[in-house]
Amino acid sequence: MLWFSVWTVLVLATLGGAFLLGRSLWRSAVALGRELSRAADVTAQLAERVDELQAAADRRETGPTLFADRAALRARLDALREAAAGRRAEREQRHVATRLRWQAYWR
């Protein structure tokens, strides 16, 4: 009689553990399916963005400029330098703002 109760407890504990393990695996599989669906959506968006960037790169003129008009080249270089200076100033403002926010924590 004692062995029967021991084996009954062992079998019931095994069945309970198997149920808990199966439920955990099912939940993990459902979560994996959701993440794979999300990854497919992100991949589709990425492919669209790559196509847009490739089209933009194809429209851009990158031919040789050895015999091009120097005034036009100088104007383009000046415009690029102005844009870079503007981005540099914006970046410096962001850095100053960040530094001030961090200094508030240290005081």
PDB file of N, CA and C in Angstrom:
ATOM      1  N   MET A   1       0.810  -1.184   0.000  1.00  0.00           N
ATOM      2  CA  MET A   1       0.000   0.000   0.000  1.00  0.00           C
ATOM      3  C   MET A   1       0.861   1.257   0.000  1.00  0.00           C
ATOM      4  N   LEU A   2       1.983   1.212   0.724  1.00  0.00           N
ATOM      5  CA  LEU A   2       2.876   2.357   0.795  1.00  0.00           C
ATOM      6  C   LEU A   2       3.479   2.664  -0.571  1.00  0.00           C
ATOM      7  N   TRP A   3       3.902   1.611  -1.294  1.00  0.00           N
ATOM      8  CA  TRP A   3       4.491   1.826  -2.612  1.00  0.00           C
ATOM      9  C   TRP A   3       3.464   2.387  -3.589  1.00  0.00           C
ATOM     10  N   PHE A   4       2.251   1.968  -3.479  1.00  0.00           N
ATOM     11  CA  PHE A   4       1.206   2.491  -4.354  1.00  0.00           C
ATOM     12  C   PHE A   4       1.018   3.995  -4.155  1.00  0.00           C
ATOM     13  N   SER A   5       1.017   4.450  -2.924  1.00  0.00           N
ATOM     14  CA  SER A   5       0.854   5.889  -2.657  1.00  0.00           C
ATOM     15  C   SER A   5       2.090   6.670  -3.108  1.00  0.00           C
ATOM     16  N   VAL A   6       3.288   6.096  -2.941  1.00  0.00           N
ATOM     17  CA  VAL A   6       4.517   6.766  -3.397  1.00  0.00           C
ATOM     18  C   VAL A   6       4.490   6.927  -4.913  1.00  0.00           C
ATOM     19  N   TRP A   7       4.160   5.844  -5.617  1.00  0.00           N
ATOM     20  CA  TRP A   7       4.130   5.912  -7.077  1.00  0.00           C
ATOM     21  C   TRP A   7       3.007   6.816  -7.576  1.00  0.00           C
ATOM     22  N   THR A   8       1.920   6.862  -6.891  1.00  0.00           N
ATOM     23  CA  THR A   8       0.823   7.756  -7.269  1.00  0.00           C
ATOM     24  C   THR A   8       1.257   9.211  -7.144  1.00  0.00           C
ATOM     25  N   VAL A   9       1.913   9.542  -6.052  1.00  0.00           N
ATOM     26  CA  VAL A   9       2.411  10.901  -5.855  1.00  0.00           C
ATOM     27  C   VAL A   9       3.446  11.238  -6.929  1.00  0.00           C
ATOM     28  N   LEU A  10       4.348  10.341  -7.232  1.00  0.00           N
ATOM     29  CA  LEU A  10       5.371  10.584  -8.255  1.00  0.00           C
ATOM     30  C   LEU A  10       4.738  10.805  -9.624  1.00  0.00           C
ATOM     31  N   VAL A  11       3.767   9.985  -9.990  1.00  0.00           N
ATOM     32  CA  VAL A  11       3.113  10.124 -11.291  1.00  0.00           C
ATOM     33  C   VAL A  11       2.348  11.433 -11.368  1.00  0.00           C
ATOM     34  N   LEU A  12       1.614  11.769 -10.312  1.00  0.00           N
ATOM     35  CA  LEU A  12       0.865  13.027 -10.307  1.00  0.00           C
ATOM     36  C   LEU A  12       1.805  14.241 -10.355  1.00  0.00           C
ATOM     37  N   ALA A  13       2.910  14.178  -9.646  1.00  0.00           N
ATOM     38  CA  ALA A  13       3.888  15.276  -9.683  1.00  0.00           C
ATOM     39  C   ALA A  13       4.500  15.400 -11.078  1.00  0.00           C
ATOM     40  N   THR A  14       4.772  14.273 -11.722  1.00  0.00           N
ATOM     41  CA  THR A  14       5.320  14.299 -13.080  1.00  0.00           C
ATOM     42  C   THR A  14       4.316  14.894 -14.052  1.00  0.00           C
ATOM     43  N   LEU A  15       3.061  14.519 -13.931  1.00  0.00           N
ATOM     44  CA  LEU A  15       2.025  15.069 -14.803  1.00  0.00           C
ATOM     45  C   LEU A  15       1.857  16.572 -14.564  1.00  0.00           C
ATOM     46  N   GLY A  16       1.906  16.988 -13.325  1.00  0.00           N
ATOM     47  CA  GLY A  16       1.821  18.423 -13.025  1.00  0.00           C
ATOM     48  C   GLY A  16       3.002  19.191 -13.595  1.00  0.00           C
ATOM     49  N   GLY A  17       4.192  18.649 -13.450  1.00  0.00           N
ATOM     50  CA  GLY A  17       5.386  19.289 -14.024  1.00  0.00           C
ATOM     51  C   GLY A  17       5.326  19.345 -15.538  1.00  0.00           C
ATOM     52  N   ALA A  18       4.832  18.253 -16.147  1.00  0.00           N
ATOM     53  CA  ALA A  18       4.702  18.238 -17.605  1.00  0.00           C
ATOM     54  C   ALA A  18       3.700  19.279 -18.070  1.00  0.00           C
ATOM     55  N   PHE A  19       2.601  19.444 -17.320  1.00  0.00           N
ATOM     56  CA  PHE A  19       1.617  20.472 -17.660  1.00  0.00           C
ATOM     57  C   PHE A  19       2.235  21.870 -17.586  1.00  0.00           C
ATOM     58  N   LEU A  20       2.956  22.137 -16.505  1.00  0.00           N
ATOM     59  CA  LEU A  20       3.577  23.458 -16.353  1.00  0.00           C
ATOM     60  C   LEU A  20       4.625  23.709 -17.442  1.00  0.00           C
ATOM     61  N   LEU A  21       5.407  22.689 -17.758  1.00  0.00           N
ATOM     62  CA  LEU A  21       6.407  22.827 -18.816  1.00  0.00           C
ATOM     63  C   LEU A  21       5.748  23.047 -20.173  1.00  0.00           C
ATOM     64  N   GLY A  22       4.693  22.308 -20.460  1.00  0.00           N
ATOM     65  CA  GLY A  22       3.971  22.471 -21.727  1.00  0.00           C
ATOM     66  C   GLY A  22       3.354  23.854 -21.842  1.00  0.00           C
ATOM     67  N   ARG A  23       2.770  24.353 -20.747  1.00  0.00           N
ATOM     68  CA  ARG A  23       2.178  25.686 -20.771  1.00  0.00           C
ATOM     69  C   ARG A  23       3.253  26.748 -21.015  1.00  0.00           C
ATOM     70  N   SER A  24       4.391  26.596 -20.381  1.00  0.00           N
ATOM     71  CA  SER A  24       5.487  27.544 -20.588  1.00  0.00           C
ATOM     72  C   SER A  24       5.983  27.516 -22.038  1.00  0.00           C
ATOM     73  N   LEU A  25       6.109  26.309 -22.588  1.00  0.00           N
ATOM     74  CA  LEU A  25       6.549  26.186 -23.982  1.00  0.00           C
ATOM     75  C   LEU A  25       5.519  26.791 -24.932  1.00  0.00           C
ATOM     76  N   TRP A  26       4.237  26.598 -24.673  1.00  0.00           N
ATOM     77  CA  TRP A  26       3.189  27.168 -25.518  1.00  0.00           C
ATOM     78  C   TRP A  26       3.251  28.699 -25.486  1.00  0.00           C
ATOM     79  N   ARG A  27       3.388  29.263 -24.304  1.00  0.00           N
ATOM     80  CA  ARG A  27       3.480  30.719 -24.194  1.00  0.00           C
ATOM     81  C   ARG A  27       4.717  31.254 -24.907  1.00  0.00           C
ATOM     82  N   SER A  28       5.819  30.544 -24.793  1.00  0.00           N
ATOM     83  CA  SER A  28       7.040  30.963 -25.486  1.00  0.00           C
ATOM     84  C   SER A  28       6.861  30.884 -27.001  1.00  0.00           C
ATOM     85  N   ALA A  29       6.189  29.839 -27.471  1.00  0.00           N
ATOM     86  CA  ALA A  29       5.962  29.693 -28.915  1.00  0.00           C
ATOM     87  C   ALA A  29       5.057  30.808 -29.433  1.00  0.00           C
ATOM     88  N   VAL A  30       4.044  31.184 -28.679  1.00  0.00           N
ATOM     89  CA  VAL A  30       3.152  32.273 -29.089  1.00  0.00           C
ATOM     90  C   VAL A  30       3.918  33.593 -29.124  1.00  0.00           C
ATOM     91  N   ALA A  31       4.745  33.843 -28.118  1.00  0.00           N
ATOM     92  CA  ALA A  31       5.554  35.069 -28.087  1.00  0.00           C
ATOM     93  C   ALA A  31       6.536  35.090 -29.258  1.00  0.00           C
ATOM     94  N   LEU A  32       7.129  33.942 -29.572  1.00  0.00           N
ATOM     95  CA  LEU A  32       8.041  33.862 -30.715  1.00  0.00           C
ATOM     96  C   LEU A  32       7.312  34.178 -32.012  1.00  0.00           C
ATOM     97  N   GLY A  33       6.101  33.659 -32.157  1.00  0.00           N
ATOM     98  CA  GLY A  33       5.308  33.955 -33.357  1.00  0.00           C
ATOM     99  C   GLY A  33       5.027  35.443 -33.495  1.00  0.00           C
ATOM    100  N   ARG A  34       4.697  36.096 -32.384  1.00  0.00           N
ATOM    101  CA  ARG A  34       4.453  37.544 -32.423  1.00  0.00           C
ATOM    102  C   ARG A  34       5.707  38.293 -32.841  1.00  0.00           C
ATOM    103  N   GLU A  35       6.839  37.927 -32.270  1.00  0.00           N
ATOM    104  CA  GLU A  35       8.089  38.605 -32.602  1.00  0.00           C
ATOM    105  C   GLU A  35       8.493  38.353 -34.053  1.00  0.00           C
ATOM    106  N   LEU A  36       8.256  37.156 -34.559  1.00  0.00           N
ATOM    107  CA  LEU A  36       8.570  36.876 -35.960  1.00  0.00           C
ATOM    108  C   LEU A  36       7.678  37.699 -36.884  1.00  0.00           C
ATOM    109  N   SER A  37       6.425  37.877 -36.507  1.00  0.00           N
ATOM    110  CA  SER A  37       5.523  38.718 -37.293  1.00  0.00           C
ATOM    111  C   SER A  37       6.012  40.161 -37.297  1.00  0.00           C
ATOM    112  N   ARG A  38       6.403  40.650 -36.134  1.00  0.00           N
ATOM    113  CA  ARG A  38       6.923  42.013 -36.033  1.00  0.00           C
ATOM    114  C   ARG A  38       8.218  42.160 -36.836  1.00  0.00           C
ATOM    115  N   ALA A  39       9.080  41.156 -36.782  1.00  0.00           N
ATOM    116  CA  ALA A  39      10.323  41.199 -37.539  1.00  0.00           C
ATOM    117  C   ALA A  39      10.055  41.226 -39.043  1.00  0.00           C
ATOM    118  N   ALA A  40       9.040  40.507 -39.487  1.00  0.00           N
ATOM    119  CA  ALA A  40       8.686  40.519 -40.912  1.00  0.00           C
ATOM    120  C   ALA A  40       8.207  41.902 -41.324  1.00  0.00           C
ATOM    121  N   ASP A  41       7.408  42.565 -40.467  1.00  0.00           N
ATOM    122  CA  ASP A  41       6.950  43.921 -40.775  1.00  0.00           C
ATOM    123  C   ASP A  41       8.119  44.899 -40.854  1.00  0.00           C
ATOM    124  N   VAL A  42       9.027  44.786 -39.905  1.00  0.00           N
ATOM    125  CA  VAL A  42      10.196  45.680 -39.894  1.00  0.00           C
ATOM    126  C   VAL A  42      11.071  45.422 -41.113  1.00  0.00           C
ATOM    127  N   THR A  43      11.213  44.167 -41.504  1.00  0.00           N
ATOM    128  CA  THR A  43      12.004  43.835 -42.683  1.00  0.00           C
ATOM    129  C   THR A  43      11.371  44.420 -43.945  1.00  0.00           C
ATOM    130  N   ALA A  44      10.058  44.384 -44.027  1.00  0.00           N
ATOM    131  CA  ALA A  44       9.370  44.974 -45.184  1.00  0.00           C
ATOM    132  C   ALA A  44       9.582  46.480 -45.217  1.00  0.00           C
ATOM    133  N   GLN A  45       9.488  47.134 -44.055  1.00  0.00           N
ATOM    134  CA  GLN A  45       9.736  48.570 -44.001  1.00  0.00           C
ATOM    135  C   GLN A  45      11.174  48.890 -44.388  1.00  0.00           C
ATOM    136  N   LEU A  46      12.102  48.066 -43.933  1.00  0.00           N
ATOM    137  CA  LEU A  46      13.507  48.270 -44.259  1.00  0.00           C
ATOM    138  C   LEU A  46      13.744  48.113 -45.755  1.00  0.00           C
ATOM    139  N   ALA A  47      13.105  47.139 -46.376  1.00  0.00           N
ATOM    140  CA  ALA A  47      13.270  46.944 -47.817  1.00  0.00           C
ATOM    141  C   ALA A  47      12.733  48.142 -48.591  1.00  0.00           C
ATOM    142  N   GLU A  48      11.590  48.692 -48.139  1.00  0.00           N
ATOM    143  CA  GLU A  48      11.048  49.883 -48.795  1.00  0.00           C
ATOM    144  C   GLU A  48      12.009  51.059 -48.654  1.00  0.00           C
ATOM    145  N   ARG A  49      12.572  51.212 -47.475  1.00  0.00           N
ATOM    146  CA  ARG A  49      13.497  52.327 -47.233  1.00  0.00           C
ATOM    147  C   ARG A  49      14.765  52.168 -48.076  1.00  0.00           C
ATOM    148  N   VAL A  50      15.246  50.944 -48.225  1.00  0.00           N
ATOM    149  CA  VAL A  50      16.434  50.697 -49.048  1.00  0.00           C
ATOM    150  C   VAL A  50      16.144  51.060 -50.497  1.00  0.00           C
ATOM    151  N   ASP A  51      14.962  50.701 -50.981  1.00  0.00           N
ATOM    152  CA  ASP A  51      14.589  51.057 -52.350  1.00  0.00           C
ATOM    153  C   ASP A  51      14.541  52.572 -52.529  1.00  0.00           C
ATOM    154  N   GLU A  52      13.971  53.274 -51.543  1.00  0.00           N
ATOM    155  CA  GLU A  52      13.927  54.734 -51.619  1.00  0.00           C
ATOM    156  C   GLU A  52      15.329  55.329 -51.658  1.00  0.00           C
ATOM    157  N   LEU A  53      16.216  54.814 -50.813  1.00  0.00           N
ATOM    158  CA  LEU A  53      17.582  55.342 -50.758  1.00  0.00           C
ATOM    159  C   LEU A  53      18.356  55.040 -52.032  1.00  0.00           C
ATOM    160  N   GLN A  54      18.130  53.867 -52.599  1.00  0.00           N
ATOM    161  CA  GLN A  54      18.801  53.538 -53.852  1.00  0.00           C
ATOM    162  C   GLN A  54      18.303  54.430 -54.977  1.00  0.00           C
ATOM    163  N   ALA A  55      17.008  54.720 -54.991  1.00  0.00           N
ATOM    164  CA  ALA A  55      16.466  55.625 -56.015  1.00  0.00           C
ATOM    165  C   ALA A  55      17.042  57.024 -55.840  1.00  0.00           C
ATOM    166  N   ALA A  56      17.174  57.460 -54.601  1.00  0.00           N
ATOM    167  CA  ALA A  56      17.755  58.777 -54.347  1.00  0.00           C
ATOM    168  C   ALA A  56      19.228  58.811 -54.749  1.00  0.00           C
ATOM    169  N   ALA A  57      19.934  57.721 -54.519  1.00  0.00           N
ATOM    170  CA  ALA A  57      21.345  57.665 -54.894  1.00  0.00           C
ATOM    171  C   ALA A  57      21.505  57.652 -56.408  1.00  0.00           C
ATOM    172  N   ASP A  58      20.570  57.037 -57.114  1.00  0.00           N
ATOM    173  CA  ASP A  58      20.648  57.002 -58.573  1.00  0.00           C
ATOM    174  C   ASP A  58      20.397  58.378 -59.179  1.00  0.00           C
ATOM    175  N   ARG A  59      19.547  59.171 -58.526  1.00  0.00           N
ATOM    176  CA  ARG A  59      19.262  60.509 -59.035  1.00  0.00           C
ATOM    177  C   ARG A  59      20.417  61.475 -58.811  1.00  0.00           C
ATOM    178  N   ARG A  60      21.254  61.184 -57.871  1.00  0.00           N
ATOM    179  CA  ARG A  60      22.349  62.086 -57.530  1.00  0.00           C
ATOM    180  C   ARG A  60      23.462  61.979 -58.571  1.00  0.00           C
ATOM    181  N   GLU A  61      23.958  63.113 -58.954  1.00  0.00           N
ATOM    182  CA  GLU A  61      25.027  63.117 -59.962  1.00  0.00           C
ATOM    183  C   GLU A  61      26.372  62.942 -59.276  1.00  0.00           C
ATOM    184  N   THR A  62      27.086  61.925 -59.673  1.00  0.00           N
ATOM    185  CA  THR A  62      28.396  61.659 -59.086  1.00  0.00           C
ATOM    186  C   THR A  62      29.455  61.517 -60.166  1.00  0.00           C
ATOM    187  N   GLY A  63      29.202  62.144 -61.295  1.00  0.00           N
ATOM    188  CA  GLY A  63      30.142  62.033 -62.405  1.00  0.00           C
ATOM    189  C   GLY A  63      31.431  62.806 -62.129  1.00  0.00           C
ATOM    190  N   PRO A  64      32.376  62.701 -63.049  1.00  0.00           N
ATOM    191  CA  PRO A  64      33.647  63.392 -62.864  1.00  0.00           C
ATOM    192  C   PRO A  64      33.457  64.913 -62.942  1.00  0.00           C
ATOM    193  N   THR A  65      34.213  65.627 -62.138  1.00  0.00           N
ATOM    194  CA  THR A  65      34.098  67.086 -62.092  1.00  0.00           C
ATOM    195  C   THR A  65      35.410  67.764 -62.461  1.00  0.00           C
ATOM    196  N   LEU A  66      36.284  67.053 -63.137  1.00  0.00           N
ATOM    197  CA  LEU A  66      37.589  67.608 -63.458  1.00  0.00           C
ATOM    198  C   LEU A  66      37.484  68.819 -64.373  1.00  0.00           C
ATOM    199  N   PHE A  67      36.586  68.769 -65.337  1.00  0.00           N
ATOM    200  CA  PHE A  67      36.459  69.879 -66.285  1.00  0.00           C
ATOM    201  C   PHE A  67      35.177  70.687 -66.075  1.00  0.00           C
ATOM    202  N   ALA A  68      34.535  70.538 -64.911  1.00  0.00           N
ATOM    203  CA  ALA A  68      33.314  71.274 -64.624  1.00  0.00           C
ATOM    204  C   ALA A  68      33.649  72.725 -64.285  1.00  0.00           C
ATOM    205  N   ASP A  69      32.628  73.555 -64.286  1.00  0.00           N
ATOM    206  CA  ASP A  69      32.791  74.970 -63.982  1.00  0.00           C
ATOM    207  C   ASP A  69      33.232  75.124 -62.522  1.00  0.00           C
ATOM    208  N   ARG A  70      34.343  75.817 -62.322  1.00  0.00           N
ATOM    209  CA  ARG A  70      34.887  75.974 -60.974  1.00  0.00           C
ATOM    210  C   ARG A  70      33.959  76.795 -60.074  1.00  0.00           C
ATOM    211  N   ALA A  71      33.260  77.749 -60.615  1.00  0.00           N
ATOM    212  CA  ALA A  71      32.359  78.573 -59.804  1.00  0.00           C
ATOM    213  C   ALA A  71      31.216  77.723 -59.250  1.00  0.00           C
ATOM    214  N   ALA A  72      30.679  76.837 -60.090  1.00  0.00           N
ATOM    215  CA  ALA A  72      29.592  75.968 -59.627  1.00  0.00           C
ATOM    216  C   ALA A  72      30.099  75.000 -58.557  1.00  0.00           C
ATOM    217  N   LEU A  73      31.304  74.473 -58.759  1.00  0.00           N
ATOM    218  CA  LEU A  73      31.871  73.558 -57.774  1.00  0.00           C
ATOM    219  C   LEU A  73      32.141  74.278 -56.457  1.00  0.00           C
ATOM    220  N   ARG A  74      32.648  75.508 -56.551  1.00  0.00           N
ATOM    221  CA  ARG A  74      32.930  76.292 -55.343  1.00  0.00           C
ATOM    222  C   ARG A  74      31.625  76.616 -54.612  1.00  0.00           C
ATOM    223  N   ALA A  75      30.571  76.954 -55.354  1.00  0.00           N
ATOM    224  CA  ALA A  75      29.279  77.257 -54.731  1.00  0.00           C
ATOM    225  C   ALA A  75      28.730  76.017 -54.017  1.00  0.00           C
ATOM    226  N   ARG A  76      28.875  74.855 -54.647  1.00  0.00           N
ATOM    227  CA  ARG A  76      28.404  73.614 -54.005  1.00  0.00           C
ATOM    228  C   ARG A  76      29.211  73.319 -52.752  1.00  0.00           C
ATOM    229  N   LEU A  77      30.512  73.509 -52.817  1.00  0.00           N
ATOM    230  CA  LEU A  77      31.367  73.275 -51.648  1.00  0.00           C
ATOM    231  C   LEU A  77      31.003  74.232 -50.522  1.00  0.00           C
ATOM    232  N   ASP A  78      30.755  75.486 -50.849  1.00  0.00           N
ATOM    233  CA  ASP A  78      30.360  76.453 -49.827  1.00  0.00           C
ATOM    234  C   ASP A  78      29.023  76.081 -49.194  1.00  0.00           C
ATOM    235  N   ALA A  79      28.076  75.616 -50.023  1.00  0.00           N
ATOM    236  CA  ALA A  79      26.777  75.196 -49.491  1.00  0.00           C
ATOM    237  C   ALA A  79      26.930  73.997 -48.561  1.00  0.00           C
ATOM    238  N   LEU A  80      27.769  73.052 -48.953  1.00  0.00           N
ATOM    239  CA  LEU A  80      27.999  71.885 -48.102  1.00  0.00           C
ATOM    240  C   LEU A  80      28.663  72.279 -46.785  1.00  0.00           C
ATOM    241  N   ARG A  81      29.599  73.226 -46.863  1.00  0.00           N
ATOM    242  CA  ARG A  81      30.262  73.676 -45.633  1.00  0.00           C
ATOM    243  C   ARG A  81      29.297  74.421 -44.723  1.00  0.00           C
ATOM    244  N   GLU A  82      28.405  75.217 -45.303  1.00  0.00           N
ATOM    245  CA  GLU A  82      27.390  75.914 -44.497  1.00  0.00           C
ATOM    246  C   GLU A  82      26.464  74.925 -43.813  1.00  0.00           C
ATOM    247  N   ALA A  83      26.042  73.902 -44.550  1.00  0.00           N
ATOM    248  CA  ALA A  83      25.159  72.893 -43.961  1.00  0.00           C
ATOM    249  C   ALA A  83      25.871  72.153 -42.828  1.00  0.00           C
ATOM    250  N   ALA A  84      27.143  71.840 -43.038  1.00  0.00           N
ATOM    251  CA  ALA A  84      27.914  71.149 -41.996  1.00  0.00           C
ATOM    252  C   ALA A  84      28.074  72.043 -40.772  1.00  0.00           C
ATOM    253  N   ALA A  85      28.313  73.344 -40.990  1.00  0.00           N
ATOM    254  CA  ALA A  85      28.455  74.262 -39.859  1.00  0.00           C
ATOM    255  C   ALA A  85      27.138  74.361 -39.090  1.00  0.00           C
ATOM    256  N   GLY A  86      26.018  74.375 -39.806  1.00  0.00           N
ATOM    257  CA  GLY A  86      24.715  74.408 -39.134  1.00  0.00           C
ATOM    258  C   GLY A  86      24.481  73.163 -38.296  1.00  0.00           C
ATOM    259  N   ARG A  87      24.816  72.000 -38.863  1.00  0.00           N
ATOM    260  CA  ARG A  87      24.659  70.758 -38.102  1.00  0.00           C
ATOM    261  C   ARG A  87      25.593  70.739 -36.895  1.00  0.00           C
ATOM    262  N   ARG A  88      26.793  71.279 -37.078  1.00  0.00           N
ATOM    263  CA  ARG A  88      27.759  71.338 -35.982  1.00  0.00           C
ATOM    264  C   ARG A  88      27.229  72.218 -34.847  1.00  0.00           C
ATOM    265  N   ALA A  89      26.633  73.357 -35.194  1.00  0.00           N
ATOM    266  CA  ALA A  89      26.082  74.260 -34.178  1.00  0.00           C
ATOM    267  C   ALA A  89      24.904  73.604 -33.455  1.00  0.00           C
ATOM    268  N   GLU A  90      24.028  72.935 -34.184  1.00  0.00           N
ATOM    269  CA  GLU A  90      22.898  72.235 -33.553  1.00  0.00           C
ATOM    270  C   GLU A  90      23.396  71.145 -32.608  1.00  0.00           C
ATOM    271  N   ARG A  91      24.412  70.415 -33.040  1.00  0.00           N
ATOM    272  CA  ARG A  91      24.973  69.358 -32.204  1.00  0.00           C
ATOM    273  C   ARG A  91      25.564  69.948 -30.929  1.00  0.00           C
ATOM    274  N   GLU A  92      26.256  71.081 -31.056  1.00  0.00           N
ATOM    275  CA  GLU A  92      26.842  71.728 -29.882  1.00  0.00           C
ATOM    276  C   GLU A  92      25.745  72.178 -28.911  1.00  0.00           C
ATOM    277  N   GLN A  93      24.635  72.691 -29.437  1.00  0.00           N
ATOM    278  CA  GLN A  93      23.522  73.089 -28.570  1.00  0.00           C
ATOM    279  C   GLN A  93      22.931  71.879 -27.841  1.00  0.00           C
ATOM    280  N   ARG A  94      22.802  70.765 -28.547  1.00  0.00           N
ATOM    281  CA  ARG A  94      22.294  69.551 -27.899  1.00  0.00           C
ATOM    282  C   ARG A  94      23.249  69.080 -26.811  1.00  0.00           C
ATOM    283  N   HIS A  95      24.556  69.182 -27.072  1.00  0.00           N
ATOM    284  CA  HIS A  95      25.544  68.748 -26.082  1.00  0.00           C
ATOM    285  C   HIS A  95      25.484  69.639 -24.842  1.00  0.00           C
ATOM    286  N   VAL A  96      25.329  70.941 -25.057  1.00  0.00           N
ATOM    287  CA  VAL A  96      25.237  71.860 -23.917  1.00  0.00           C
ATOM    288  C   VAL A  96      23.989  71.549 -23.094  1.00  0.00           C
ATOM    289  N   ALA A  97      22.860  71.332 -23.768  1.00  0.00           N
ATOM    290  CA  ALA A  97      21.619  71.012 -23.056  1.00  0.00           C
ATOM    291  C   ALA A  97      21.764  69.708 -22.272  1.00  0.00           C
ATOM    292  N   THR A  98      22.385  68.722 -22.877  1.00  0.00           N
ATOM    293  CA  THR A  98      22.591  67.447 -22.196  1.00  0.00           C
ATOM    294  C   THR A  98      23.496  67.623 -20.987  1.00  0.00           C
ATOM    295  N   ARG A  99      24.563  68.394 -21.163  1.00  0.00           N
ATOM    296  CA  ARG A  99      25.488  68.625 -20.065  1.00  0.00           C
ATOM    297  C   ARG A  99      24.782  69.327 -18.900  1.00  0.00           C
ATOM    298  N   LEU A 100      23.918  70.294 -19.204  1.00  0.00           N
ATOM    299  CA  LEU A 100      23.179  70.988 -18.146  1.00  0.00           C
ATOM    300  C   LEU A 100      22.218  70.045 -17.430  1.00  0.00           C
ATOM    301  N   ARG A 101      21.554  69.164 -18.189  1.00  0.00           N
ATOM    302  CA  ARG A 101      20.654  68.205 -17.546  1.00  0.00           C
ATOM    303  C   ARG A 101      21.416  67.261 -16.636  1.00  0.00           C
ATOM    304  N   TRP A 102      22.585  66.821 -17.073  1.00  0.00           N
ATOM    305  CA  TRP A 102      23.364  65.904 -16.252  1.00  0.00           C
ATOM    306  C   TRP A 102      23.920  66.604 -15.026  1.00  0.00           C
ATOM    307  N   GLN A 103      24.278  67.872 -15.170  1.00  0.00           N
ATOM    308  CA  GLN A 103      24.805  68.603 -14.018  1.00  0.00           C
ATOM    309  C   GLN A 103      23.732  68.781 -12.948  1.00  0.00           C
ATOM    310  N   ALA A 104      22.477  68.811 -13.347  1.00  0.00           N
ATOM    311  CA  ALA A 104      21.395  68.927 -12.372  1.00  0.00           C
ATOM    312  C   ALA A 104      21.354  67.692 -11.457  1.00  0.00           C
ATOM    313  N   TYR A 105      21.747  66.543 -11.948  1.00  0.00           N
ATOM    314  CA  TYR A 105      21.774  65.331 -11.123  1.00  0.00           C
ATOM    315  C   TYR A 105      22.914  65.343 -10.122  1.00  0.00           C
ATOM    316  N   TRP A 106      24.007  65.991 -10.466  1.00  0.00           N
ATOM    317  CA  TRP A 106      25.187  65.959  -9.622  1.00  0.00           C
ATOM    318  C   TRP A 106      25.157  67.017  -8.529  1.00  0.00           C
ATOM    319  N   ARG A 107      24.214  67.921  -8.635  1.00  0.00           N
ATOM    320  CA  ARG A 107      24.166  68.980  -7.605  1.00  0.00           C
ATOM    321  C   ARG A 107      23.216  68.642  -6.515  1.00  0.00           C
TER     322      ARG A 107
END
